Amino acid sequence: MLALGTPPRIPGSPGVVTPATRNGAIKSQFGGIATEHYLSGLHVYVGIEDDESGVAALNELRRWLPTLNACGSNSPYWRGHETCFNS
């Protein structure tokens, strides 16, 4: 399994909202859209002590950029139909 910004296949029935406090509050506030919204995001923040360390870290990360880009891409499908929104 792989986490994606937009899943390629979505069931026809509404999603199940977990009973966690935050998720329950979202469902209460937004109603049905909470069970239809299948988009997600992930942000990772990294602290770098100085410019030299930042350059060294980015140089090490460079070889992984194609893989990271692929993991962050969206599916061109929504509910089984082509959207032409390929990443």
C-alpha atoms as a PDB file:
ATOM      1  CA  MET A   1       0.000   0.000   0.000  1.00  0.00           C
ATOM      2  CA  LEU A   2       1.175   3.521  -0.778  1.00  0.00           C
ATOM      3  CA  ALA A   3      -0.184   6.834   0.477  1.00  0.00           C
ATOM      4  CA  LEU A   4      -1.176   9.125  -2.397  1.00  0.00           C
ATOM      5  CA  GLY A   5      -2.605  12.622  -2.595  1.00  0.00           C
ATOM      6  CA  THR A   6      -5.543  11.335  -4.640  1.00  0.00           C
ATOM      7  CA  PRO A   7      -6.462   7.645  -4.591  1.00  0.00           C
ATOM      8  CA  PRO A   8      -6.961   5.989  -8.006  1.00  0.00           C
ATOM      9  CA  ARG A   9      -9.959   3.901  -6.915  1.00  0.00           C
ATOM     10  CA  ILE A  10     -12.693   5.049  -4.549  1.00  0.00           C
ATOM     11  CA  PRO A  11     -15.628   2.929  -3.411  1.00  0.00           C
ATOM     12  CA  GLY A  12     -19.107   3.981  -4.504  1.00  0.00           C
ATOM     13  CA  SER A  13     -20.357   4.041  -0.906  1.00  0.00           C
ATOM     14  CA  PRO A  14     -19.477   6.805   1.574  1.00  0.00           C
ATOM     15  CA  GLY A  15     -16.262   6.378   3.534  1.00  0.00           C
ATOM     16  CA  VAL A  16     -16.181   5.517   7.213  1.00  0.00           C
ATOM     17  CA  VAL A  17     -15.051   8.304   9.528  1.00  0.00           C
ATOM     18  CA  THR A  18     -13.019   6.982  12.442  1.00  0.00           C
ATOM     19  CA  PRO A  19     -14.435   7.757  15.894  1.00  0.00           C
ATOM     20  CA  ALA A  20     -11.401   9.830  16.943  1.00  0.00           C
ATOM     21  CA  THR A  21     -12.341  13.155  18.526  1.00  0.00           C
ATOM     22  CA  ARG A  22     -10.869  15.304  15.742  1.00  0.00           C
ATOM     23  CA  ASN A  23     -12.434  13.253  12.947  1.00  0.00           C
ATOM     24  CA  GLY A  24     -15.810  13.233  14.675  1.00  0.00           C
ATOM     25  CA  ALA A  25     -15.653  17.022  14.988  1.00  0.00           C
ATOM     26  CA  ILE A  26     -14.813  17.338  11.288  1.00  0.00           C
ATOM     27  CA  LYS A  27     -17.771  15.121  10.379  1.00  0.00           C
ATOM     28  CA  SER A  28     -20.080  17.146  12.631  1.00  0.00           C
ATOM     29  CA  GLN A  29     -18.927  20.419  11.097  1.00  0.00           C
ATOM     30  CA  PHE A  30     -18.790  19.390   7.441  1.00  0.00           C
ATOM     31  CA  GLY A  31     -21.430  16.684   7.281  1.00  0.00           C
ATOM     32  CA  GLY A  32     -21.524  14.392   4.260  1.00  0.00           C
ATOM     33  CA  ILE A  33     -18.466  15.888   2.606  1.00  0.00           C
ATOM     34  CA  ALA A  34     -16.366  14.295   5.355  1.00  0.00           C
ATOM     35  CA  THR A  35     -17.300  10.846   4.028  1.00  0.00           C
ATOM     36  CA  GLU A  36     -16.755  11.818   0.375  1.00  0.00           C
ATOM     37  CA  HIS A  37     -13.420  13.621   0.679  1.00  0.00           C
ATOM     38  CA  TYR A  38     -10.613  11.216  -0.213  1.00  0.00           C
ATOM     39  CA  LEU A  39      -7.756  13.685  -0.643  1.00  0.00           C
ATOM     40  CA  SER A  40      -4.921  13.932   1.804  1.00  0.00           C
ATOM     41  CA  GLY A  41      -1.611  15.638   2.278  1.00  0.00           C
ATOM     42  CA  LEU A  42       1.588  15.273   4.222  1.00  0.00           C
ATOM     43  CA  HIS A  43       4.089  17.972   5.077  1.00  0.00           C
ATOM     44  CA  VAL A  44       7.507  17.238   6.529  1.00  0.00           C
ATOM     45  CA  TYR A  45       9.570  20.046   7.992  1.00  0.00           C
ATOM     46  CA  VAL A  46      13.261  19.590   8.750  1.00  0.00           C
ATOM     47  CA  GLY A  47      15.411  22.012  10.705  1.00  0.00           C
ATOM     48  CA  ILE A  48      18.893  22.665   9.285  1.00  0.00           C
ATOM     49  CA  GLU A  49      21.450  24.308  11.546  1.00  0.00           C
ATOM     50  CA  ASP A  50      23.349  26.328   8.918  1.00  0.00           C
ATOM     51  CA  ASP A  51      23.701  26.912   5.174  1.00  0.00           C
ATOM     52  CA  GLU A  52      26.607  24.485   4.777  1.00  0.00           C
ATOM     53  CA  SER A  53      24.661  21.668   6.454  1.00  0.00           C
ATOM     54  CA  GLY A  54      21.657  22.514   4.291  1.00  0.00           C
ATOM     55  CA  VAL A  55      23.672  22.209   1.073  1.00  0.00           C
ATOM     56  CA  ALA A  56      25.155  18.888   2.251  1.00  0.00           C
ATOM     57  CA  ALA A  57      21.695  17.536   3.124  1.00  0.00           C
ATOM     58  CA  LEU A  58      20.233  18.598  -0.241  1.00  0.00           C
ATOM     59  CA  ASN A  59      23.162  17.025  -2.085  1.00  0.00           C
ATOM     60  CA  GLU A  60      22.454  13.704  -0.320  1.00  0.00           C
ATOM     61  CA  LEU A  61      18.737  14.040  -1.047  1.00  0.00           C
ATOM     62  CA  ARG A  62      19.251  14.738  -4.752  1.00  0.00           C
ATOM     63  CA  ARG A  63      19.332  11.053  -5.795  1.00  0.00           C
ATOM     64  CA  TRP A  64      15.964  10.470  -4.089  1.00  0.00           C
ATOM     65  CA  LEU A  65      14.126  13.351  -5.785  1.00  0.00           C
ATOM     66  CA  PRO A  66      12.542  11.216  -8.557  1.00  0.00           C
ATOM     67  CA  THR A  67      11.202   8.768  -5.960  1.00  0.00           C
ATOM     68  CA  LEU A  68       9.937  11.534  -3.671  1.00  0.00           C
ATOM     69  CA  ASN A  69       8.302  13.263  -6.628  1.00  0.00           C
ATOM     70  CA  ALA A  70       6.559  10.034  -7.635  1.00  0.00           C
ATOM     71  CA  CYS A  71       5.269   9.508  -4.082  1.00  0.00           C
ATOM     72  CA  GLY A  72       3.852  13.035  -4.055  1.00  0.00           C
ATOM     73  CA  SER A  73       2.033  12.761  -7.355  1.00  0.00           C
ATOM     74  CA  ASN A  74      -1.720  12.533  -7.761  1.00  0.00           C
ATOM     75  CA  SER A  75      -3.729   9.934  -9.566  1.00  0.00           C
ATOM     76  CA  PRO A  76      -5.225  10.979 -12.915  1.00  0.00           C
ATOM     77  CA  TYR A  77      -8.408   9.109 -11.956  1.00  0.00           C
ATOM     78  CA  TRP A  78     -11.366  10.107  -9.810  1.00  0.00           C
ATOM     79  CA  ARG A  79     -13.961   7.459  -9.056  1.00  0.00           C
ATOM     80  CA  GLY A  80     -12.634   5.362 -11.932  1.00  0.00           C
ATOM     81  CA  HIS A  81     -12.773   8.105 -14.581  1.00  0.00           C
ATOM     82  CA  GLU A  82      -9.871   9.855 -16.300  1.00  0.00           C
ATOM     83  CA  THR A  83      -9.544  13.486 -15.143  1.00  0.00           C
ATOM     84  CA  CYS A  84      -6.489  14.587 -17.177  1.00  0.00           C
ATOM     85  CA  PHE A  85      -5.021  15.943 -13.925  1.00  0.00           C
ATOM     86  CA  ASN A  86      -1.951  13.700 -14.028  1.00  0.00           C
ATOM     87  CA  SER A  87       1.046  14.847 -12.008  1.00  0.00           C
END
